[in-house]
Amino acid sequence: MSVLARRVRCACPVDLPCECSYPTLLRAEARAVAARSRREPLLHNGHLLAASSVLAAGLGSLFWMLATRSYSAADVGRSYAALSATMFLSTLGSLNLGDALVRFVPTAGRRTRALVLHSYLVSIAASAVVAVAFLLLIPVVAPDLAELRRPVLAVSFVAATAGYSVFVLQDGALTGVRRAGWVLGENTVFAVAKAALLALCAAFAVGAGILLSWAAALVLAIVLTNVVLFRRAIPAHQAAPVDEREQRPTERIARWAGADYLGNLFSFAAASVLPLMVLDRLGAAGSAYYSLAYVIASTLYVAAFSMGHSLVVEGSRDPARLAEHSRRLLRHSTLLVTAAAVPIAVAAPWILALFGPEYAEHGTTALRLMALSAIPNTIPNVAIQVARVRRSLPWMVGIRFAFALVVIALTAVLLPPFGLTGIGAAWLIAECALALPLLAALPRLLHPAPAPGRPRPEEEPT
């Protein structure tokens, strides 16, 4: 108790060492840690962003559970396919500008409003073009969605795709101006609103209730968020002092966004190719078992990656503290992910049994390995965020390309003899194989920033 007593002031008026119980001192230590976290934007905003990702995943699952209880399987299937297409196409059309806003808004200064608006316009236009192209190709790529080609539904589909790209970009803008609390609030409003509207549509027997509730909640979240963003958050951010030399020309932002977009495509390739490999080898049942394990384990990945956005913001605002922030985030995110991954690995059979005994029988080992793989993933995650701050384009692309290549190759080797256990092992081995060399390479990525007025290495003449 003496070691803890030297660090903690408990609530009693007696000087330490006092007679308080050990649980009392632990609670005092927890309050002190929470107070330090609130004072430190890196951890405070990181926690909020991670909580937002987990909350969105959890409430999103609740929405579909309500949908399955209120509508037929055919209606749910068609609606899910349509909304999945909407979100996928908006991801392509957003051109990764949401992450670009996370990187460049912190130092945009008086150009913040223009940067956000220009990003919105580009993303809306690109998403609309992609959505129209999809509608034209529906007879070839998705004949079951032919109903979307009807005039009213086609216009609604294009508008929803463009609107969802704004929904993604506004998260990046809020993160860049250090309003991570509103990211959590926005996702909560969207999730709660669409669930409430779905219940209302089901009560009145609205045929397209799933799509209607989702679209109405999306409009509500976009309107409320942008009122806060443009009336309060951006004006306050533009009034704060900023180093004018840190403001980046448009072409440099486009080059950064292009490299990060390419890196995201490699991550998406890994997430998309593996289910197809499982489906081809193990059939529809094996694909179902893998997909559920992936959904649970990927929540850990998404939470850690969302927390890393806080490092991008703070590293962009104060490059001199990038190394300090990176080490702190690496320690903190590793502890949090470990604290979540280990219980999931232990409780995997009981978690999967909630969805049916066959899921627990076939997917337990795969879920355990995939959950544990999220622990070494914290190292590549921090390395990618550091590369984003440093504008190290080869690192931004290369890390994600290397993981996609290794995990797909390992799956091709391990899936045939070991089944789902093999694909879980492929995830864990690939993450460890990537984490160890990156841990050694982090000091190189964290080299001191160049002195003011001196060109960055990529800007120096050959």
Protein backbone atom coordinates (compact mmCIF):
# COMPACT_ATOMS: atom_id res chain seq x y z
CA MET A 1 0.00 0.00 0.00
CA SER A 2 2.91 2.37 0.65
CA VAL A 3 3.86 2.61 -3.04
CA LEU A 4 0.29 3.44 -3.99
CA ALA A 5 -0.06 5.81 -1.06
CA ARG A 6 2.82 7.97 -2.29
CA ARG A 7 0.98 8.54 -5.58
CA VAL A 8 -2.65 8.95 -4.50
CA ARG A 9 -4.57 11.44 -2.39
CA CYS A 10 -7.77 9.78 -1.17
CA ALA A 11 -10.86 11.69 -0.09
CA CYS A 12 -10.27 11.54 3.68
CA PRO A 13 -8.73 14.53 5.55
CA VAL A 14 -5.89 12.47 7.04
CA ASP A 15 -2.41 12.79 5.53
CA LEU A 16 -0.99 9.69 3.86
CA PRO A 17 -0.32 7.05 4.93
CA CYS A 18 -3.88 6.91 6.22
CA GLU A 19 -6.06 4.08 7.43
CA CYS A 20 -8.19 3.87 4.28
CA SER A 21 -8.76 0.45 2.76
CA TYR A 22 -6.98 -0.71 -0.35
CA PRO A 23 -10.18 -0.50 -2.51
CA THR A 24 -10.59 3.13 -1.43
CA LEU A 25 -7.07 3.94 -2.56
CA LEU A 26 -7.66 2.11 -5.84
CA ARG A 27 -10.76 4.20 -6.49
CA ALA A 28 -8.76 7.33 -5.73
CA GLU A 29 -6.10 6.20 -8.20
CA ALA A 30 -8.78 5.57 -10.84
CA ARG A 31 -10.17 9.07 -10.31
CA ALA A 32 -6.67 10.52 -10.66
CA VAL A 33 -6.07 8.62 -13.91
CA ALA A 34 -9.41 9.81 -15.27
CA ALA A 35 -8.58 13.41 -14.35
CA ARG A 36 -5.19 13.18 -16.11
CA SER A 37 -6.89 11.68 -19.16
CA ARG A 38 -9.33 14.60 -19.34
CA ARG A 39 -6.45 17.06 -19.20
CA GLU A 40 -4.53 15.23 -21.95
CA PRO A 41 -6.28 15.67 -25.33
CA LEU A 42 -4.40 12.72 -26.87
CA LEU A 43 -5.95 10.15 -24.52
CA HIS A 44 -9.23 11.94 -23.84
CA ASN A 45 -10.12 12.32 -27.52
CA GLY A 46 -8.72 8.87 -28.28
CA HIS A 47 -11.04 7.30 -25.71
CA LEU A 48 -14.03 9.16 -27.16
CA LEU A 49 -13.22 8.08 -30.72
CA ALA A 50 -12.75 4.46 -29.67
CA ALA A 51 -16.01 4.54 -27.70
CA SER A 52 -17.77 6.01 -30.74
CA SER A 53 -16.61 3.12 -32.93
CA VAL A 54 -17.67 0.48 -30.41
CA LEU A 55 -21.01 2.19 -29.78
CA ALA A 56 -21.74 2.47 -33.51
CA ALA A 57 -21.00 -1.24 -33.98
CA GLY A 58 -23.13 -2.28 -31.02
CA LEU A 59 -26.14 -0.10 -31.81
CA GLY A 60 -25.85 -1.00 -35.49
CA SER A 61 -26.27 -4.65 -34.54
CA LEU A 62 -29.31 -3.70 -32.45
CA PHE A 63 -30.88 -1.99 -35.48
CA TRP A 64 -30.61 -5.16 -37.56
CA MET A 65 -31.91 -7.31 -34.71
CA LEU A 66 -35.00 -5.08 -34.60
CA ALA A 67 -35.29 -5.30 -38.38
CA THR A 68 -35.27 -9.10 -38.36
CA ARG A 69 -38.06 -9.14 -35.77
CA SER A 70 -40.24 -6.64 -37.65
CA TYR A 71 -39.78 -7.54 -41.33
CA SER A 72 -39.54 -10.65 -43.43
CA ALA A 73 -36.21 -12.22 -44.27
CA ALA A 74 -36.62 -11.15 -47.91
CA ASP A 75 -37.19 -7.49 -46.95
CA VAL A 76 -34.22 -7.55 -44.57
CA GLY A 77 -32.00 -9.17 -47.18
CA ARG A 78 -32.85 -6.65 -49.90
CA SER A 79 -32.54 -3.69 -47.53
CA TYR A 80 -29.22 -4.92 -46.16
CA ALA A 81 -27.84 -5.36 -49.67
CA ALA A 82 -28.99 -1.87 -50.70
CA LEU A 83 -27.53 -0.19 -47.59
CA SER A 84 -24.29 -2.16 -47.89
CA ALA A 85 -23.99 -0.97 -51.49
CA THR A 86 -24.68 2.61 -50.37
CA MET A 87 -21.96 2.56 -47.71
CA PHE A 88 -19.45 0.76 -49.93
CA LEU A 89 -19.95 3.19 -52.82
CA SER A 90 -19.76 6.22 -50.54
CA THR A 91 -16.48 4.86 -49.15
CA LEU A 92 -15.12 4.70 -52.69
CA GLY A 93 -16.52 8.12 -53.54
CA SER A 94 -15.31 9.87 -50.39
CA LEU A 95 -11.75 9.43 -51.71
CA ASN A 96 -10.49 9.08 -48.14
CA LEU A 97 -10.99 12.82 -47.59
CA GLY A 98 -12.33 12.14 -44.09
CA ASP A 99 -8.91 10.98 -42.96
CA ALA A 100 -7.35 13.87 -44.88
CA LEU A 101 -9.44 16.27 -42.79
CA VAL A 102 -8.16 14.58 -39.61
CA ARG A 103 -4.59 15.23 -40.81
CA PHE A 104 -4.85 18.75 -42.26
CA VAL A 105 -7.67 20.52 -40.41
CA PRO A 106 -5.58 20.88 -37.19
CA THR A 107 -3.16 23.20 -39.04
CA ALA A 108 -5.56 24.72 -41.61
CA GLY A 109 -6.16 27.89 -39.58
CA ARG A 110 -8.30 30.40 -41.47
CA ARG A 111 -8.63 27.96 -44.37
CA THR A 112 -10.53 25.40 -42.28
CA ARG A 113 -14.04 26.27 -43.48
CA ALA A 114 -12.97 26.31 -47.13
CA LEU A 115 -11.08 23.03 -46.75
CA VAL A 116 -14.08 21.26 -45.22
CA LEU A 117 -16.53 22.65 -47.78
CA HIS A 118 -14.29 21.78 -50.73
CA SER A 119 -13.88 18.25 -49.36
CA TYR A 120 -17.66 17.94 -49.04
CA LEU A 121 -18.21 19.06 -52.64
CA VAL A 122 -15.57 16.73 -54.10
CA SER A 123 -16.83 13.77 -52.09
CA ILE A 124 -20.50 14.41 -52.94
CA ALA A 125 -19.71 14.67 -56.65
CA ALA A 126 -17.50 11.56 -56.70
CA SER A 127 -20.00 9.51 -54.66
CA ALA A 128 -22.85 10.52 -56.95
CA VAL A 129 -20.85 9.49 -60.02
CA VAL A 130 -19.99 6.13 -58.48
CA ALA A 131 -23.63 5.55 -57.46
CA VAL A 132 -24.90 6.32 -60.98
CA ALA A 133 -22.32 3.95 -62.45
CA PHE A 134 -23.49 1.23 -60.06
CA LEU A 135 -27.12 1.74 -61.07
CA LEU A 136 -26.16 1.36 -64.72
CA LEU A 137 -24.29 -1.88 -63.96
CA ILE A 138 -26.96 -3.42 -61.71
CA PRO A 139 -28.15 -5.93 -64.36
CA VAL A 140 -24.61 -7.31 -64.44
CA VAL A 141 -23.31 -7.02 -60.86
CA ALA A 142 -26.49 -7.17 -58.71
CA PRO A 143 -29.62 -8.26 -60.59
CA ASP A 144 -31.53 -8.73 -57.33
CA LEU A 145 -31.36 -4.94 -56.77
CA ALA A 146 -33.00 -4.10 -60.10
CA GLU A 147 -35.78 -2.30 -58.21
CA LEU A 148 -33.30 0.48 -57.39
CA ARG A 149 -33.38 1.53 -61.04
CA ARG A 150 -36.90 2.89 -60.69
CA PRO A 151 -36.73 6.72 -60.99
CA VAL A 152 -37.68 7.68 -57.44
CA LEU A 153 -35.57 4.95 -55.83
CA ALA A 154 -32.64 5.71 -58.14
CA VAL A 155 -32.59 9.39 -57.13
CA SER A 156 -32.92 8.41 -53.47
CA PHE A 157 -30.09 5.89 -53.80
CA VAL A 158 -27.72 8.47 -55.34
CA ALA A 159 -28.67 11.04 -52.67
CA ALA A 160 -28.15 8.53 -49.85
CA THR A 161 -24.73 7.56 -51.20
CA ALA A 162 -23.65 11.20 -51.43
CA GLY A 163 -25.14 11.94 -48.00
CA TYR A 164 -23.31 9.08 -46.32
CA SER A 165 -20.01 10.41 -47.68
CA VAL A 166 -20.75 13.70 -45.88
CA PHE A 167 -21.57 11.70 -42.75
CA VAL A 168 -18.09 10.14 -42.92
CA LEU A 169 -16.31 13.42 -43.69
CA GLN A 170 -17.93 15.34 -40.85
CA ASP A 171 -16.43 12.84 -38.39
CA GLY A 172 -12.99 13.72 -39.78
CA ALA A 173 -13.68 17.45 -39.50
CA LEU A 174 -14.92 17.16 -35.91
CA THR A 175 -11.88 15.07 -34.98
CA GLY A 176 -9.56 17.61 -36.60
CA VAL A 177 -10.99 20.49 -34.55
CA ARG A 178 -10.74 18.43 -31.35
CA ARG A 179 -14.49 17.88 -30.95
CA ALA A 180 -14.32 14.12 -30.53
CA GLY A 181 -17.21 14.28 -28.07
CA TRP A 182 -19.47 15.33 -30.92
CA VAL A 183 -18.30 12.35 -32.98
CA LEU A 184 -19.59 10.13 -30.17
CA GLY A 185 -22.78 12.18 -29.89
CA GLU A 186 -23.40 12.17 -33.64
CA ASN A 187 -23.07 8.39 -33.91
CA THR A 188 -25.34 7.98 -30.89
CA VAL A 189 -27.99 10.25 -32.43
CA PHE A 190 -27.83 8.37 -35.73
CA ALA A 191 -28.05 4.92 -34.11
CA VAL A 192 -30.84 5.79 -31.66
CA ALA A 193 -32.85 7.73 -34.25
CA LYS A 194 -32.81 4.97 -36.85
CA ALA A 195 -33.81 2.35 -34.26
CA ALA A 196 -36.70 4.53 -33.00
CA LEU A 197 -37.85 5.33 -36.54
CA LEU A 198 -37.66 1.65 -37.48
CA ALA A 199 -39.93 0.75 -34.57
CA LEU A 200 -42.34 3.49 -35.67
CA CYS A 201 -42.33 2.27 -39.29
CA ALA A 202 -42.94 -1.30 -38.14
CA ALA A 203 -45.85 -0.18 -35.98
CA PHE A 204 -47.50 1.51 -38.97
CA ALA A 205 -46.58 -1.37 -41.34
CA VAL A 206 -44.46 0.81 -43.65
CA GLY A 207 -43.12 -1.51 -46.34
CA ALA A 208 -39.78 0.26 -46.91
CA GLY A 209 -39.36 1.01 -43.21
CA ILE A 210 -35.75 -0.20 -42.96
CA LEU A 211 -34.52 2.06 -45.75
CA LEU A 212 -36.74 4.98 -44.72
CA SER A 213 -35.66 4.93 -41.06
CA TRP A 214 -31.98 4.70 -42.00
CA ALA A 215 -32.23 7.61 -44.47
CA ALA A 216 -34.23 9.86 -42.12
CA ALA A 217 -31.79 9.26 -39.25
CA LEU A 218 -28.88 10.02 -41.60
CA VAL A 219 -30.40 13.39 -42.58
CA LEU A 220 -31.01 14.25 -38.92
CA ALA A 221 -27.42 13.41 -37.93
CA ILE A 222 -25.95 15.39 -40.85
CA VAL A 223 -28.04 18.51 -40.18
CA LEU A 224 -27.42 18.61 -36.42
CA THR A 225 -23.72 17.89 -36.75
CA ASN A 226 -23.02 20.49 -39.41
CA VAL A 227 -24.90 23.17 -37.51
CA VAL A 228 -22.53 22.59 -34.60
CA LEU A 229 -19.52 22.21 -36.89
CA PHE A 230 -19.94 25.42 -38.90
CA ARG A 231 -21.51 27.66 -36.26
CA ARG A 232 -19.35 26.78 -33.27
CA ALA A 233 -16.50 24.35 -33.83
CA ILE A 234 -14.92 25.78 -37.00
CA PRO A 235 -15.15 29.47 -35.95
CA ALA A 236 -13.49 28.62 -32.62
CA HIS A 237 -10.81 26.62 -34.42
CA GLN A 238 -10.12 29.40 -36.94
CA ALA A 239 -9.75 31.95 -34.15
CA ALA A 240 -6.97 29.93 -32.50
CA PRO A 241 -3.37 30.80 -33.48
CA VAL A 242 -1.67 28.47 -35.95
CA ASP A 243 1.71 28.39 -37.66
CA GLU A 244 1.00 29.63 -41.20
CA ARG A 245 3.91 27.57 -42.51
CA GLU A 246 2.05 24.41 -41.54
CA GLN A 247 -0.81 25.13 -43.94
CA ARG A 248 -0.59 22.81 -46.93
CA PRO A 249 -1.40 23.54 -50.59
CA THR A 250 -4.22 21.63 -52.21
CA GLU A 251 -1.99 19.48 -54.39
CA ARG A 252 -0.09 18.19 -51.37
CA ILE A 253 -3.33 17.29 -49.62
CA ALA A 254 -4.48 15.47 -52.76
CA ARG A 255 -1.23 13.51 -52.94
CA TRP A 256 -1.52 12.52 -49.26
CA ALA A 257 -5.18 11.52 -49.65
CA GLY A 258 -4.34 9.48 -52.76
CA ALA A 259 -1.63 7.50 -50.97
CA ASP A 260 -3.84 6.89 -47.93
CA TYR A 261 -6.71 5.88 -50.22
CA LEU A 262 -4.47 3.31 -51.90
CA GLY A 263 -3.43 1.95 -48.50
CA ASN A 264 -7.08 1.63 -47.47
CA LEU A 265 -7.81 -0.30 -50.66
CA PHE A 266 -5.20 -2.89 -49.63
CA SER A 267 -6.85 -3.20 -46.20
CA PHE A 268 -10.22 -3.54 -47.88
CA ALA A 269 -8.79 -6.20 -50.22
CA ALA A 270 -7.69 -8.30 -47.26
CA ALA A 271 -11.11 -7.97 -45.60
CA SER A 272 -12.90 -8.88 -48.86
CA VAL A 273 -10.72 -11.66 -50.26
CA LEU A 274 -10.58 -13.81 -47.13
CA PRO A 275 -14.36 -14.41 -46.89
CA LEU A 276 -14.36 -15.45 -50.55
CA MET A 277 -11.54 -17.91 -49.86
CA VAL A 278 -13.46 -19.35 -46.91
CA LEU A 279 -16.67 -19.58 -48.96
CA ASP A 280 -14.86 -21.39 -51.76
CA ARG A 281 -13.17 -23.87 -49.41
CA LEU A 282 -15.68 -24.38 -46.58
CA GLY A 283 -18.99 -23.42 -48.16
CA ALA A 284 -21.75 -21.12 -46.93
CA ALA A 285 -21.79 -22.52 -43.39
CA GLY A 286 -18.04 -22.02 -42.95
CA SER A 287 -18.38 -18.49 -44.33
CA ALA A 288 -21.08 -17.73 -41.73
CA TYR A 289 -18.90 -19.01 -38.86
CA TYR A 290 -15.92 -16.96 -40.07
CA SER A 291 -17.95 -13.81 -40.70
CA LEU A 292 -19.32 -13.72 -37.16
CA ALA A 293 -15.85 -14.23 -35.65
CA TYR A 294 -14.50 -11.49 -37.93
CA VAL A 295 -17.23 -9.02 -36.93
CA ILE A 296 -16.46 -9.50 -33.23
CA ALA A 297 -12.66 -9.37 -33.57
CA SER A 298 -12.64 -6.46 -36.03
CA THR A 299 -14.32 -4.27 -33.42
CA LEU A 300 -10.99 -4.29 -31.55
CA TYR A 301 -9.17 -3.25 -34.72
CA VAL A 302 -11.60 -0.44 -35.47
CA ALA A 303 -11.47 0.90 -31.90
CA ALA A 304 -7.65 1.01 -31.92
CA PHE A 305 -7.55 2.64 -35.35
CA SER A 306 -10.10 5.25 -34.29
CA MET A 307 -8.04 6.01 -31.20
CA GLY A 308 -5.06 6.53 -33.50
CA HIS A 309 -6.82 9.48 -35.15
CA SER A 310 -6.19 11.40 -31.94
CA LEU A 311 -2.43 10.87 -32.49
CA VAL A 312 -2.75 12.32 -36.01
CA VAL A 313 -4.48 15.44 -34.66
CA GLU A 314 -2.07 16.04 -31.79
CA GLY A 315 1.01 15.17 -33.85
CA SER A 316 -0.07 17.59 -36.58
CA ARG A 317 -0.68 20.38 -34.09
CA ASP A 318 2.60 19.86 -32.24
CA PRO A 319 5.14 17.86 -34.32
CA ALA A 320 7.81 18.31 -31.63
CA ARG A 321 5.83 16.00 -29.31
CA LEU A 322 5.05 13.35 -31.93
CA ALA A 323 7.50 10.81 -30.48
CA GLU A 324 6.21 11.37 -26.95
CA HIS A 325 2.57 11.07 -28.04
CA SER A 326 3.31 7.97 -30.14
CA ARG A 327 4.94 6.08 -27.29
CA ARG A 328 2.14 7.05 -24.93
CA LEU A 329 -0.56 5.96 -27.36
CA LEU A 330 1.25 2.70 -28.10
CA ARG A 331 1.42 1.81 -24.41
CA HIS A 332 -2.14 2.91 -23.73
CA SER A 333 -3.79 1.29 -26.74
CA THR A 334 -1.89 -1.96 -26.18
CA LEU A 335 -3.12 -2.12 -22.58
CA LEU A 336 -6.72 -1.36 -23.56
CA VAL A 337 -6.79 -3.80 -26.48
CA THR A 338 -5.20 -6.52 -24.34
CA ALA A 339 -7.75 -5.88 -21.59
CA ALA A 340 -10.53 -6.46 -24.15
CA ALA A 341 -8.95 -9.18 -26.31
CA VAL A 342 -8.03 -11.59 -23.53
CA PRO A 343 -11.56 -11.79 -22.05
CA ILE A 344 -12.99 -12.26 -25.56
CA ALA A 345 -10.53 -15.09 -26.17
CA VAL A 346 -11.45 -16.73 -22.88
CA ALA A 347 -15.21 -16.29 -23.32
CA ALA A 348 -15.26 -17.06 -27.07
CA PRO A 349 -17.37 -20.26 -26.85
CA TRP A 350 -20.01 -18.58 -24.68
CA ILE A 351 -20.08 -15.47 -26.89
CA LEU A 352 -20.58 -17.52 -30.04
CA ALA A 353 -23.12 -19.80 -28.35
CA LEU A 354 -25.46 -16.79 -28.17
CA PHE A 355 -25.85 -17.13 -31.94
CA GLY A 356 -26.20 -20.90 -31.95
CA PRO A 357 -24.27 -23.97 -30.75
CA GLU A 358 -22.84 -24.61 -34.23
CA TYR A 359 -21.09 -21.20 -34.16
CA ALA A 360 -19.41 -22.07 -30.86
CA GLU A 361 -18.44 -25.50 -32.13
CA HIS A 362 -16.78 -24.33 -35.34
CA GLY A 363 -15.69 -20.74 -34.69
CA THR A 364 -14.28 -20.66 -31.14
CA THR A 365 -10.60 -21.19 -31.97
CA ALA A 366 -10.75 -18.81 -34.94
CA LEU A 367 -12.30 -16.09 -32.78
CA ARG A 368 -9.69 -16.60 -30.06
CA LEU A 369 -6.79 -16.28 -32.49
CA MET A 370 -8.28 -13.30 -34.30
CA ALA A 371 -9.03 -11.48 -31.05
CA LEU A 372 -5.46 -12.04 -29.83
CA SER A 373 -4.13 -10.78 -33.18
CA ALA A 374 -5.51 -7.33 -32.30
CA ILE A 375 -2.80 -7.00 -29.62
CA PRO A 376 0.24 -6.93 -31.95
CA ASN A 377 -1.86 -4.88 -34.41
CA THR A 378 -1.46 -1.85 -32.13
CA ILE A 379 2.14 -1.50 -33.39
CA PRO A 380 1.29 -1.25 -37.13
CA ASN A 381 -1.62 0.99 -36.18
CA VAL A 382 0.65 3.51 -34.44
CA ALA A 383 3.21 3.25 -37.26
CA ILE A 384 0.52 4.11 -39.84
CA GLN A 385 -0.66 7.12 -37.81
CA VAL A 386 2.90 8.35 -37.41
CA ALA A 387 3.46 7.97 -41.15
CA ARG A 388 0.30 10.01 -41.75
CA VAL A 389 1.59 12.84 -39.59
CA ARG A 390 5.06 12.71 -41.18
CA ARG A 391 3.53 12.44 -44.67
CA SER A 392 5.67 9.35 -45.29
CA LEU A 393 3.68 8.12 -48.26
CA PRO A 394 5.63 4.84 -48.85
CA TRP A 395 5.06 3.81 -45.23
CA MET A 396 1.36 4.72 -45.41
CA VAL A 397 0.89 2.38 -48.37
CA GLY A 398 3.58 -0.23 -47.67
CA ILE A 399 2.44 -1.29 -44.20
CA ARG A 400 -1.08 -2.10 -45.32
CA PHE A 401 0.09 -3.71 -48.55
CA ALA A 402 2.48 -5.96 -46.60
CA PHE A 403 -0.25 -7.11 -44.21
CA ALA A 404 -2.72 -7.84 -47.03
CA LEU A 405 -0.10 -9.83 -48.92
CA VAL A 406 1.04 -11.86 -45.91
CA VAL A 407 -2.41 -12.65 -44.49
CA ILE A 408 -3.81 -13.72 -47.88
CA ALA A 409 -0.76 -15.90 -48.59
CA LEU A 410 -0.91 -17.51 -45.15
CA THR A 411 -4.63 -18.15 -45.50
CA ALA A 412 -4.05 -19.87 -48.84
CA VAL A 413 -1.53 -22.18 -47.13
CA LEU A 414 -3.26 -22.78 -43.76
CA LEU A 415 -6.95 -22.83 -44.68
CA PRO A 416 -7.01 -26.15 -46.61
CA PRO A 417 -5.43 -28.33 -43.88
CA PHE A 418 -6.72 -26.53 -40.76
CA GLY A 419 -10.00 -24.88 -41.77
CA LEU A 420 -11.15 -21.87 -39.72
CA THR A 421 -8.35 -22.46 -37.22
CA GLY A 422 -5.92 -21.90 -40.09
CA ILE A 423 -7.40 -18.53 -41.00
CA GLY A 424 -7.29 -17.45 -37.35
CA ALA A 425 -3.64 -18.49 -37.20
CA ALA A 426 -3.00 -16.56 -40.43
CA TRP A 427 -4.30 -13.37 -38.80
CA LEU A 428 -2.18 -13.81 -35.67
CA ILE A 429 1.02 -14.79 -37.52
CA ALA A 430 0.65 -11.97 -40.05
CA GLU A 431 0.20 -9.35 -37.32
CA CYS A 432 3.19 -10.63 -35.34
CA ALA A 433 5.36 -10.83 -38.48
CA LEU A 434 4.51 -7.20 -39.25
CA ALA A 435 4.70 -5.88 -35.69
CA LEU A 436 8.23 -7.05 -34.84
CA PRO A 437 10.12 -5.26 -37.65
CA LEU A 438 7.89 -2.18 -37.28
CA LEU A 439 8.73 -1.97 -33.60
CA ALA A 440 12.39 -1.77 -34.59
CA ALA A 441 11.63 0.75 -37.37
CA LEU A 442 9.53 3.12 -35.25
CA PRO A 443 12.56 5.21 -34.13
CA ARG A 444 13.28 5.94 -37.79
CA LEU A 445 9.72 7.09 -38.35
CA LEU A 446 9.94 9.24 -35.22
CA HIS A 447 13.03 11.15 -36.31
CA PRO A 448 12.94 14.84 -35.28
CA ALA A 449 11.03 17.21 -37.52
CA PRO A 450 13.17 19.51 -39.72
CA ALA A 451 13.90 22.96 -38.42
CA PRO A 452 11.54 25.80 -39.50
CA GLY A 453 12.37 27.00 -42.99
CA ARG A 454 14.29 23.85 -43.87
CA PRO A 455 12.66 21.69 -46.58
CA ARG A 456 11.39 18.28 -45.60
CA PRO A 457 13.39 15.31 -46.97
CA GLU A 458 10.83 14.61 -49.70
CA GLU A 459 11.07 18.28 -50.79
CA GLU A 460 14.88 18.46 -51.04
CA PRO A 461 16.38 18.48 -54.56
CA THR A 462 17.80 15.20 -55.81
